[in-house]
PDB file of N, CA and C in Angstrom:
ATOM      1  N   MET A   1      -1.383  -4.390  19.145  1.00  0.00           N
ATOM      2  CA  MET A   1      -2.251  -3.139  18.675  1.00  0.00           C
ATOM      3  C   MET A   1      -1.764  -2.810  17.183  1.00  0.00           C
ATOM      4  N   THR A   2      -2.906  -2.851  16.284  1.00  0.00           N
ATOM      5  CA  THR A   2      -2.612  -2.311  14.819  1.00  0.00           C
ATOM      6  C   THR A   2      -2.328  -0.870  14.632  1.00  0.00           C
ATOM      7  N   ARG A   3      -1.464  -0.682  13.790  1.00  0.00           N
ATOM      8  CA  ARG A   3      -1.204   0.781  13.668  1.00  0.00           C
ATOM      9  C   ARG A   3      -2.478   1.453  12.768  1.00  0.00           C
ATOM     10  N   GLU A   4      -2.499   2.709  12.957  1.00  0.00           N
ATOM     11  CA  GLU A   4      -3.534   3.519  12.338  1.00  0.00           C
ATOM     12  C   GLU A   4      -3.122   3.501  10.701  1.00  0.00           C
ATOM     13  N   LYS A   5      -4.260   3.523  10.044  1.00  0.00           N
ATOM     14  CA  LYS A   5      -4.022   3.684   8.474  1.00  0.00           C
ATOM     15  C   LYS A   5      -4.456   5.181   8.048  1.00  0.00           C
ATOM     16  N   ILE A   6      -3.960   5.479   7.143  1.00  0.00           N
ATOM     17  CA  ILE A   6      -4.310   6.741   6.441  1.00  0.00           C
ATOM     18  C   ILE A   6      -4.387   6.566   4.971  1.00  0.00           C
ATOM     19  N   VAL A   7      -5.357   6.772   4.374  1.00  0.00           N
ATOM     20  CA  VAL A   7      -5.815   6.800   2.810  1.00  0.00           C
ATOM     21  C   VAL A   7      -5.460   7.945   2.205  1.00  0.00           C
ATOM     22  N   LEU A   8      -4.502   7.985   1.103  1.00  0.00           N
ATOM     23  CA  LEU A   8      -4.040   9.279   0.543  1.00  0.00           C
ATOM     24  C   LEU A   8      -4.482   9.184  -0.798  1.00  0.00           C
ATOM     25  N   ALA A   9      -5.069  10.073  -1.618  1.00  0.00           N
ATOM     26  CA  ALA A   9      -5.425  10.235  -3.027  1.00  0.00           C
ATOM     27  C   ALA A   9      -4.043  10.437  -3.480  1.00  0.00           C
ATOM     28  N   TYR A  10      -3.464   9.559  -4.182  1.00  0.00           N
ATOM     29  CA  TYR A  10      -2.070   9.563  -4.903  1.00  0.00           C
ATOM     30  C   TYR A  10      -2.000   9.749  -6.148  1.00  0.00           C
ATOM     31  N   SER A  11      -1.176  10.830  -6.790  1.00  0.00           N
ATOM     32  CA  SER A  11      -1.164  11.098  -8.128  1.00  0.00           C
ATOM     33  C   SER A  11       0.191  10.811  -8.711  1.00  0.00           C
ATOM     34  N   GLY A  12       0.967  10.392  -7.859  1.00  0.00           N
ATOM     35  CA  GLY A  12       2.534   9.903  -8.285  1.00  0.00           C
ATOM     36  C   GLY A  12       3.433  11.163  -8.556  1.00  0.00           C
ATOM     37  N   GLY A  13       2.915  12.347  -8.322  1.00  0.00           N
ATOM     38  CA  GLY A  13       3.722  13.661  -8.377  1.00  0.00           C
ATOM     39  C   GLY A  13       4.384  13.886  -7.157  1.00  0.00           C
ATOM     40  N   LEU A  14       5.161  14.956  -7.145  1.00  0.00           N
ATOM     41  CA  LEU A  14       5.980  15.265  -5.950  1.00  0.00           C
ATOM     42  C   LEU A  14       5.154  15.635  -4.571  1.00  0.00           C
ATOM     43  N   ASP A  15       4.121  16.309  -4.875  1.00  0.00           N
ATOM     44  CA  ASP A  15       3.500  16.799  -3.518  1.00  0.00           C
ATOM     45  C   ASP A  15       3.050  15.356  -2.913  1.00  0.00           C
ATOM     46  N   THR A  16       2.395  14.626  -3.526  1.00  0.00           N
ATOM     47  CA  THR A  16       1.635  13.324  -2.934  1.00  0.00           C
ATOM     48  C   THR A  16       2.920  12.397  -2.588  1.00  0.00           C
ATOM     49  N   SER A  17       3.906  12.381  -3.229  1.00  0.00           N
ATOM     50  CA  SER A  17       5.053  11.560  -3.060  1.00  0.00           C
ATOM     51  C   SER A  17       5.529  11.968  -1.705  1.00  0.00           C
ATOM     52  N   VAL A  18       5.751  13.255  -1.424  1.00  0.00           N
ATOM     53  CA  VAL A  18       6.733  13.823  -0.073  1.00  0.00           C
ATOM     54  C   VAL A  18       5.472  13.421   1.084  1.00  0.00           C
ATOM     55  N   ALA A  19       4.097  13.563   0.552  1.00  0.00           N
ATOM     56  CA  ALA A  19       3.116  13.679   1.689  1.00  0.00           C
ATOM     57  C   ALA A  19       3.191  12.162   2.343  1.00  0.00           C
ATOM     58  N   VAL A  20       3.348  11.175   1.581  1.00  0.00           N
ATOM     59  CA  VAL A  20       3.234   9.604   1.981  1.00  0.00           C
ATOM     60  C   VAL A  20       4.238   9.534   3.020  1.00  0.00           C
ATOM     61  N   GLN A  21       5.579   9.928   2.889  1.00  0.00           N
ATOM     62  CA  GLN A  21       6.663   9.947   4.112  1.00  0.00           C
ATOM     63  C   GLN A  21       6.255  10.847   5.220  1.00  0.00           C
ATOM     64  N   TRP A  22       5.619  12.051   4.876  1.00  0.00           N
ATOM     65  CA  TRP A  22       5.488  12.917   5.786  1.00  0.00           C
ATOM     66  C   TRP A  22       4.273  12.485   6.901  1.00  0.00           C
ATOM     67  N   LEU A  23       3.175  12.046   6.164  1.00  0.00           N
ATOM     68  CA  LEU A  23       2.187  11.313   6.951  1.00  0.00           C
ATOM     69  C   LEU A  23       2.705  10.211   7.779  1.00  0.00           C
ATOM     70  N   LYS A  24       3.393   9.459   7.082  1.00  0.00           N
ATOM     71  CA  LYS A  24       3.974   8.234   7.886  1.00  0.00           C
ATOM     72  C   LYS A  24       4.659   8.595   9.061  1.00  0.00           C
ATOM     73  N   GLU A  25       5.702   9.529   9.012  1.00  0.00           N
ATOM     74  CA  GLU A  25       6.446   9.939  10.105  1.00  0.00           C
ATOM     75  C   GLU A  25       5.573  10.889  11.122  1.00  0.00           C
ATOM     76  N   LYS A  26       4.773  11.706  10.670  1.00  0.00           N
ATOM     77  CA  LYS A  26       4.000  12.586  11.479  1.00  0.00           C
ATOM     78  C   LYS A  26       2.987  11.839  12.440  1.00  0.00           C
ATOM     79  N   HIS A  27       2.366  10.652  11.661  1.00  0.00           N
ATOM     80  CA  HIS A  27       1.139   9.963  12.505  1.00  0.00           C
ATOM     81  C   HIS A  27       1.720   8.683  12.873  1.00  0.00           C
ATOM     82  N   SER A  28       2.918   8.041  12.645  1.00  0.00           N
ATOM     83  CA  SER A  28       3.370   6.907  12.941  1.00  0.00           C
ATOM     84  C   SER A  28       2.158   5.863  12.309  1.00  0.00           C
ATOM     85  N   ALA A  29       1.792   6.235  11.199  1.00  0.00           N
ATOM     86  CA  ALA A  29       0.771   5.308  10.454  1.00  0.00           C
ATOM     87  C   ALA A  29       1.080   4.570   9.341  1.00  0.00           C
ATOM     88  N   ASP A  30       0.397   3.445   8.853  1.00  0.00           N
ATOM     89  CA  ASP A  30       0.610   2.815   7.620  1.00  0.00           C
ATOM     90  C   ASP A  30      -0.146   3.792   6.629  1.00  0.00           C
ATOM     91  N   ILE A  31       0.241   4.024   5.326  1.00  0.00           N
ATOM     92  CA  ILE A  31      -0.172   4.618   4.390  1.00  0.00           C
ATOM     93  C   ILE A  31      -0.518   3.942   3.392  1.00  0.00           C
ATOM     94  N   VAL A  32      -1.962   3.988   2.642  1.00  0.00           N
ATOM     95  CA  VAL A  32      -2.604   3.300   1.738  1.00  0.00           C
ATOM     96  C   VAL A  32      -2.865   4.578   0.648  1.00  0.00           C
ATOM     97  N   THR A  33      -2.240   4.212  -0.342  1.00  0.00           N
ATOM     98  CA  THR A  33      -2.452   5.022  -1.641  1.00  0.00           C
ATOM     99  C   THR A  33      -3.642   4.705  -2.362  1.00  0.00           C
ATOM    100  N   VAL A  34      -4.267   5.635  -3.327  1.00  0.00           N
ATOM    101  CA  VAL A  34      -5.146   5.357  -4.151  1.00  0.00           C
ATOM    102  C   VAL A  34      -5.237   6.320  -5.482  1.00  0.00           C
ATOM    103  N   THR A  35      -5.092   5.767  -6.494  1.00  0.00           N
ATOM    104  CA  THR A  35      -5.240   6.596  -7.885  1.00  0.00           C
ATOM    105  C   THR A  35      -6.330   6.263  -8.674  1.00  0.00           C
ATOM    106  N   VAL A  36      -7.325   7.332  -8.868  1.00  0.00           N
ATOM    107  CA  VAL A  36      -8.181   6.992  -9.850  1.00  0.00           C
ATOM    108  C   VAL A  36      -8.000   7.404 -11.233  1.00  0.00           C
ATOM    109  N   ASP A  37      -8.318   6.380 -12.074  1.00  0.00           N
ATOM    110  CA  ASP A  37      -7.960   6.486 -13.474  1.00  0.00           C
ATOM    111  C   ASP A  37      -9.286   6.970 -14.320  1.00  0.00           C
ATOM    112  N   VAL A  38      -9.232   8.146 -14.698  1.00  0.00           N
ATOM    113  CA  VAL A  38     -10.455   8.645 -15.356  1.00  0.00           C
ATOM    114  C   VAL A  38      -9.975   8.692 -16.964  1.00  0.00           C
ATOM    115  N   GLY A  39      -9.145   8.199 -17.390  1.00  0.00           N
ATOM    116  CA  GLY A  39      -8.553   8.150 -18.703  1.00  0.00           C
ATOM    117  C   GLY A  39      -7.668   9.425 -18.970  1.00  0.00           C
ATOM    118  N   GLN A  40      -6.860   9.770 -18.013  1.00  0.00           N
ATOM    119  CA  GLN A  40      -5.748  10.897 -18.286  1.00  0.00           C
ATOM    120  C   GLN A  40      -4.506  10.244 -18.796  1.00  0.00           C
ATOM    121  N   GLY A  41      -4.533   9.053 -19.119  1.00  0.00           N
ATOM    122  CA  GLY A  41      -3.270   8.389 -19.618  1.00  0.00           C
ATOM    123  C   GLY A  41      -2.083   8.111 -18.796  1.00  0.00           C
ATOM    124  N   ASP A  42      -2.260   8.169 -17.577  1.00  0.00           N
ATOM    125  CA  ASP A  42      -1.126   8.009 -16.698  1.00  0.00           C
ATOM    126  C   ASP A  42      -0.698   6.602 -16.632  1.00  0.00           C
ATOM    127  N   ASP A  43       0.587   6.053 -16.417  1.00  0.00           N
ATOM    128  CA  ASP A  43       0.973   4.774 -16.304  1.00  0.00           C
ATOM    129  C   ASP A  43       0.525   4.245 -14.863  1.00  0.00           C
ATOM    130  N   MET A  44      -0.340   3.545 -14.546  1.00  0.00           N
ATOM    131  CA  MET A  44      -0.980   3.228 -13.336  1.00  0.00           C
ATOM    132  C   MET A  44       0.264   2.255 -12.721  1.00  0.00           C
ATOM    133  N   ALA A  45       0.738   1.353 -13.469  1.00  0.00           N
ATOM    134  CA  ALA A  45       1.859   0.559 -12.742  1.00  0.00           C
ATOM    135  C   ALA A  45       3.069   1.069 -12.164  1.00  0.00           C
ATOM    136  N   ALA A  46       3.435   2.409 -13.035  1.00  0.00           N
ATOM    137  CA  ALA A  46       4.410   3.198 -12.547  1.00  0.00           C
ATOM    138  C   ALA A  46       4.151   3.751 -11.340  1.00  0.00           C
ATOM    139  N   ILE A  47       2.823   4.495 -11.397  1.00  0.00           N
ATOM    140  CA  ILE A  47       2.399   5.019 -10.179  1.00  0.00           C
ATOM    141  C   ILE A  47       2.546   4.248  -9.065  1.00  0.00           C
ATOM    142  N   GLU A  48       1.795   3.253  -9.033  1.00  0.00           N
ATOM    143  CA  GLU A  48       1.729   2.054  -7.800  1.00  0.00           C
ATOM    144  C   GLU A  48       3.261   1.816  -7.528  1.00  0.00           C
ATOM    145  N   ARG A  49       4.351   1.500  -8.132  1.00  0.00           N
ATOM    146  CA  ARG A  49       5.465   1.493  -7.864  1.00  0.00           C
ATOM    147  C   ARG A  49       6.082   2.505  -7.165  1.00  0.00           C
ATOM    148  N   LYS A  50       5.786   3.675  -7.778  1.00  0.00           N
ATOM    149  CA  LYS A  50       6.345   4.789  -6.928  1.00  0.00           C
ATOM    150  C   LYS A  50       5.569   4.900  -5.678  1.00  0.00           C
ATOM    151  N   ALA A  51       4.507   4.418  -5.266  1.00  0.00           N
ATOM    152  CA  ALA A  51       3.592   4.752  -4.168  1.00  0.00           C
ATOM    153  C   ALA A  51       4.444   3.924  -3.341  1.00  0.00           C
ATOM    154  N   LYS A  52       4.777   2.638  -3.558  1.00  0.00           N
ATOM    155  CA  LYS A  52       5.331   1.634  -2.473  1.00  0.00           C
ATOM    156  C   LYS A  52       6.612   2.080  -2.395  1.00  0.00           C
ATOM    157  N   ALA A  53       7.350   2.698  -3.339  1.00  0.00           N
ATOM    158  CA  ALA A  53       8.824   3.224  -3.057  1.00  0.00           C
ATOM    159  C   ALA A  53       9.023   4.301  -2.249  1.00  0.00           C
ATOM    160  N   THR A  54       7.849   4.990  -1.968  1.00  0.00           N
ATOM    161  CA  THR A  54       7.989   6.436  -1.304  1.00  0.00           C
ATOM    162  C   THR A  54       7.405   5.867   0.042  1.00  0.00           C
ATOM    163  N   GLY A  55       6.993   4.542   0.325  1.00  0.00           N
ATOM    164  CA  GLY A  55       6.633   3.993   1.510  1.00  0.00           C
ATOM    165  C   GLY A  55       5.095   3.646   2.029  1.00  0.00           C
ATOM    166  N   ALA A  56       4.396   3.766   0.814  1.00  0.00           N
ATOM    167  CA  ALA A  56       2.945   2.983   0.841  1.00  0.00           C
ATOM    168  C   ALA A  56       3.048   1.769   1.226  1.00  0.00           C
ATOM    169  N   VAL A  57       2.194   1.233   2.146  1.00  0.00           N
ATOM    170  CA  VAL A  57       1.987  -0.011   2.398  1.00  0.00           C
ATOM    171  C   VAL A  57       1.275  -0.952   1.223  1.00  0.00           C
ATOM    172  N   LYS A  58       0.515  -0.277   0.924  1.00  0.00           N
ATOM    173  CA  LYS A  58      -0.635  -0.745  -0.155  1.00  0.00           C
ATOM    174  C   LYS A  58      -1.012   0.427  -1.133  1.00  0.00           C
ATOM    175  N   HIS A  59      -1.404  -0.021  -2.455  1.00  0.00           N
ATOM    176  CA  HIS A  59      -1.778   1.059  -3.583  1.00  0.00           C
ATOM    177  C   HIS A  59      -2.854   0.481  -4.107  1.00  0.00           C
ATOM    178  N   TYR A  60      -3.911   1.210  -4.373  1.00  0.00           N
ATOM    179  CA  TYR A  60      -5.082   0.717  -5.139  1.00  0.00           C
ATOM    180  C   TYR A  60      -5.231   1.528  -6.382  1.00  0.00           C
ATOM    181  N   SER A  61      -5.362   1.263  -7.377  1.00  0.00           N
ATOM    182  CA  SER A  61      -5.739   1.775  -8.708  1.00  0.00           C
ATOM    183  C   SER A  61      -7.273   1.639  -9.200  1.00  0.00           C
ATOM    184  N   ILE A  62      -7.915   2.662  -9.300  1.00  0.00           N
ATOM    185  CA  ILE A  62      -9.414   2.288  -9.705  1.00  0.00           C
ATOM    186  C   ILE A  62      -9.636   2.903 -10.924  1.00  0.00           C
ATOM    187  N   ASP A  63     -10.187   1.934 -11.935  1.00  0.00           N
ATOM    188  CA  ASP A  63     -10.615   2.587 -13.139  1.00  0.00           C
ATOM    189  C   ASP A  63     -11.938   2.908 -13.233  1.00  0.00           C
ATOM    190  N   ALA A  64     -12.068   4.242 -13.613  1.00  0.00           N
ATOM    191  CA  ALA A  64     -13.405   4.974 -13.228  1.00  0.00           C
ATOM    192  C   ALA A  64     -13.823   5.681 -14.417  1.00  0.00           C
ATOM    193  N   LYS A  65     -13.071   5.182 -15.650  1.00  0.00           N
ATOM    194  CA  LYS A  65     -13.276   5.899 -16.836  1.00  0.00           C
ATOM    195  C   LYS A  65     -14.819   5.956 -17.616  1.00  0.00           C
ATOM    196  N   ARG A  66     -15.397   4.771 -17.220  1.00  0.00           N
ATOM    197  CA  ARG A  66     -16.678   4.496 -17.660  1.00  0.00           C
ATOM    198  C   ARG A  66     -17.589   5.662 -16.813  1.00  0.00           C
ATOM    199  N   GLU A  67     -17.268   5.525 -15.512  1.00  0.00           N
ATOM    200  CA  GLU A  67     -18.408   6.370 -14.522  1.00  0.00           C
ATOM    201  C   GLU A  67     -17.901   7.968 -14.939  1.00  0.00           C
ATOM    202  N   PHE A  68     -16.607   8.259 -15.115  1.00  0.00           N
ATOM    203  CA  PHE A  68     -16.236   9.525 -15.516  1.00  0.00           C
ATOM    204  C   PHE A  68     -17.140  10.168 -16.789  1.00  0.00           C
ATOM    205  N   ILE A  69     -16.876   9.230 -17.781  1.00  0.00           N
ATOM    206  CA  ILE A  69     -17.589   9.763 -19.163  1.00  0.00           C
ATOM    207  C   ILE A  69     -19.065   9.694 -18.697  1.00  0.00           C
ATOM    208  N   GLU A  70     -19.801   8.718 -18.338  1.00  0.00           N
ATOM    209  CA  GLU A  70     -21.335   8.670 -18.250  1.00  0.00           C
ATOM    210  C   GLU A  70     -21.835   9.715 -17.276  1.00  0.00           C
ATOM    211  N   ASP A  71     -20.998   9.857 -16.107  1.00  0.00           N
ATOM    212  CA  ASP A  71     -21.626  10.847 -15.065  1.00  0.00           C
ATOM    213  C   ASP A  71     -21.278  12.165 -15.214  1.00  0.00           C
ATOM    214  N   TYR A  72     -20.347  12.300 -15.797  1.00  0.00           N
ATOM    215  CA  TYR A  72     -19.608  14.026 -15.722  1.00  0.00           C
ATOM    216  C   TYR A  72     -19.500  14.303 -17.351  1.00  0.00           C
ATOM    217  N   VAL A  73     -18.957  13.924 -18.115  1.00  0.00           N
ATOM    218  CA  VAL A  73     -18.732  14.121 -19.557  1.00  0.00           C
ATOM    219  C   VAL A  73     -19.747  14.309 -20.090  1.00  0.00           C
ATOM    220  N   PHE A  74     -20.735  13.115 -20.496  1.00  0.00           N
ATOM    221  CA  PHE A  74     -21.914  13.295 -21.113  1.00  0.00           C
ATOM    222  C   PHE A  74     -23.035  14.304 -20.893  1.00  0.00           C
ATOM    223  N   PRO A  75     -23.167  14.157 -19.306  1.00  0.00           N
ATOM    224  CA  PRO A  75     -24.070  15.411 -18.856  1.00  0.00           C
ATOM    225  C   PRO A  75     -23.627  16.603 -19.075  1.00  0.00           C
ATOM    226  N   SER A  76     -22.372  16.907 -19.174  1.00  0.00           N
ATOM    227  CA  SER A  76     -21.671  18.270 -19.300  1.00  0.00           C
ATOM    228  C   SER A  76     -22.008  18.481 -20.830  1.00  0.00           C
ATOM    229  N   ILE A  77     -21.881  17.999 -21.661  1.00  0.00           N
ATOM    230  CA  ILE A  77     -21.991  18.066 -23.255  1.00  0.00           C
ATOM    231  C   ILE A  77     -23.622  18.278 -23.378  1.00  0.00           C
ATOM    232  N   LYS A  78     -24.288  17.468 -22.782  1.00  0.00           N
ATOM    233  CA  LYS A  78     -25.608  17.508 -23.127  1.00  0.00           C
ATOM    234  C   LYS A  78     -26.289  19.011 -22.501  1.00  0.00           C
ATOM    235  N   ALA A  79     -25.564  19.399 -21.333  1.00  0.00           N
ATOM    236  CA  ALA A  79     -26.044  20.611 -20.767  1.00  0.00           C
ATOM    237  C   ALA A  79     -25.422  21.922 -21.601  1.00  0.00           C
ATOM    238  N   ASN A  80     -24.395  21.585 -22.685  1.00  0.00           N
ATOM    239  CA  ASN A  80     -23.733  22.649 -23.258  1.00  0.00           C
ATOM    240  C   ASN A  80     -23.040  23.598 -22.197  1.00  0.00           C
ATOM    241  N   ALA A  81     -22.623  22.816 -21.163  1.00  0.00           N
ATOM    242  CA  ALA A  81     -21.988  23.483 -20.045  1.00  0.00           C
ATOM    243  C   ALA A  81     -20.629  24.397 -20.453  1.00  0.00           C
ATOM    244  N   LEU A  82     -20.256  25.505 -19.975  1.00  0.00           N
ATOM    245  CA  LEU A  82     -19.306  26.249 -20.041  1.00  0.00           C
ATOM    246  C   LEU A  82     -18.170  26.271 -19.217  1.00  0.00           C
ATOM    247  N   TYR A  83     -17.256  26.153 -19.188  1.00  0.00           N
ATOM    248  CA  TYR A  83     -16.151  26.496 -17.942  1.00  0.00           C
ATOM    249  C   TYR A  83     -15.581  27.782 -17.938  1.00  0.00           C
ATOM    250  N   GLU A  84     -15.594  28.821 -16.840  1.00  0.00           N
ATOM    251  CA  GLU A  84     -15.140  29.899 -16.982  1.00  0.00           C
ATOM    252  C   GLU A  84     -15.791  30.878 -17.740  1.00  0.00           C
ATOM    253  N   GLY A  85     -17.093  30.458 -18.034  1.00  0.00           N
ATOM    254  CA  GLY A  85     -18.006  31.194 -19.070  1.00  0.00           C
ATOM    255  C   GLY A  85     -17.825  31.150 -20.497  1.00  0.00           C
ATOM    256  N   SER A  86     -16.533  30.481 -21.060  1.00  0.00           N
ATOM    257  CA  SER A  86     -16.284  30.527 -22.280  1.00  0.00           C
ATOM    258  C   SER A  86     -15.649  29.352 -23.020  1.00  0.00           C
ATOM    259  N   ILE A  87     -15.401  28.450 -22.428  1.00  0.00           N
ATOM    260  CA  ILE A  87     -14.685  27.272 -22.641  1.00  0.00           C
ATOM    261  C   ILE A  87     -15.805  26.037 -22.505  1.00  0.00           C
ATOM    262  N   HIS A  88     -15.800  25.402 -23.690  1.00  0.00           N
ATOM    263  CA  HIS A  88     -16.924  24.237 -23.485  1.00  0.00           C
ATOM    264  C   HIS A  88     -16.428  23.079 -22.284  1.00  0.00           C
ATOM    265  N   SER A  89     -17.096  22.918 -21.485  1.00  0.00           N
ATOM    266  CA  SER A  89     -16.641  22.046 -20.271  1.00  0.00           C
ATOM    267  C   SER A  89     -16.446  20.747 -20.630  1.00  0.00           C
ATOM    268  N   ALA A  90     -16.944  20.127 -21.609  1.00  0.00           N
ATOM    269  CA  ALA A  90     -16.292  18.820 -21.975  1.00  0.00           C
ATOM    270  C   ALA A  90     -14.666  19.043 -22.547  1.00  0.00           C
ATOM    271  N   GLN A  91     -14.359  20.054 -23.309  1.00  0.00           N
ATOM    272  CA  GLN A  91     -12.970  20.003 -23.471  1.00  0.00           C
ATOM    273  C   GLN A  91     -12.232  20.254 -22.066  1.00  0.00           C
ATOM    274  N   ARG A  92     -12.541  20.899 -21.400  1.00  0.00           N
ATOM    275  CA  ARG A  92     -12.092  21.226 -20.092  1.00  0.00           C
ATOM    276  C   ARG A  92     -11.820  19.953 -18.915  1.00  0.00           C
ATOM    277  N   LEU A  93     -13.115  19.112 -19.041  1.00  0.00           N
ATOM    278  CA  LEU A  93     -13.130  17.820 -18.307  1.00  0.00           C
ATOM    279  C   LEU A  93     -12.065  17.084 -18.745  1.00  0.00           C
ATOM    280  N   GLY A  94     -11.689  17.024 -20.236  1.00  0.00           N
ATOM    281  CA  GLY A  94     -10.704  16.217 -20.732  1.00  0.00           C
ATOM    282  C   GLY A  94      -9.378  16.475 -20.557  1.00  0.00           C
ATOM    283  N   ASP A  95      -8.990  17.649 -20.052  1.00  0.00           N
ATOM    284  CA  ASP A  95      -7.796  18.195 -19.819  1.00  0.00           C
ATOM    285  C   ASP A  95      -7.179  18.099 -18.412  1.00  0.00           C
ATOM    286  N   LEU A  96      -7.161  16.751 -17.944  1.00  0.00           N
ATOM    287  CA  LEU A  96      -6.694  16.528 -16.728  1.00  0.00           C
ATOM    288  C   LEU A  96      -5.313  16.699 -16.266  1.00  0.00           C
ATOM    289  N   SER A  97      -4.316  17.005 -17.069  1.00  0.00           N
ATOM    290  CA  SER A  97      -3.136  17.248 -16.815  1.00  0.00           C
ATOM    291  C   SER A  97      -2.512  18.623 -16.033  1.00  0.00           C
TER     292      SER A  97
END
């Protein structure tokens, strides 16, 4: 019988790194991690190494920069959208840290 698999959106930070081991132990499952690159400047190779070091059986890095820009940033700029009523949303969308 194959083990259950859980897919975790993984940032490489403390919370998601602890979650890998916790989910693995709590559910007796294999953990697969996924990181989406929207241009935030993270070292994807380092994140993958960390995911595997914390117990993930597989890691996927998804390059979604083009989709993020075309589907979210450009429409936000065109709509002159504001974040919290005063900050231009394109500025906020680019601040992913």
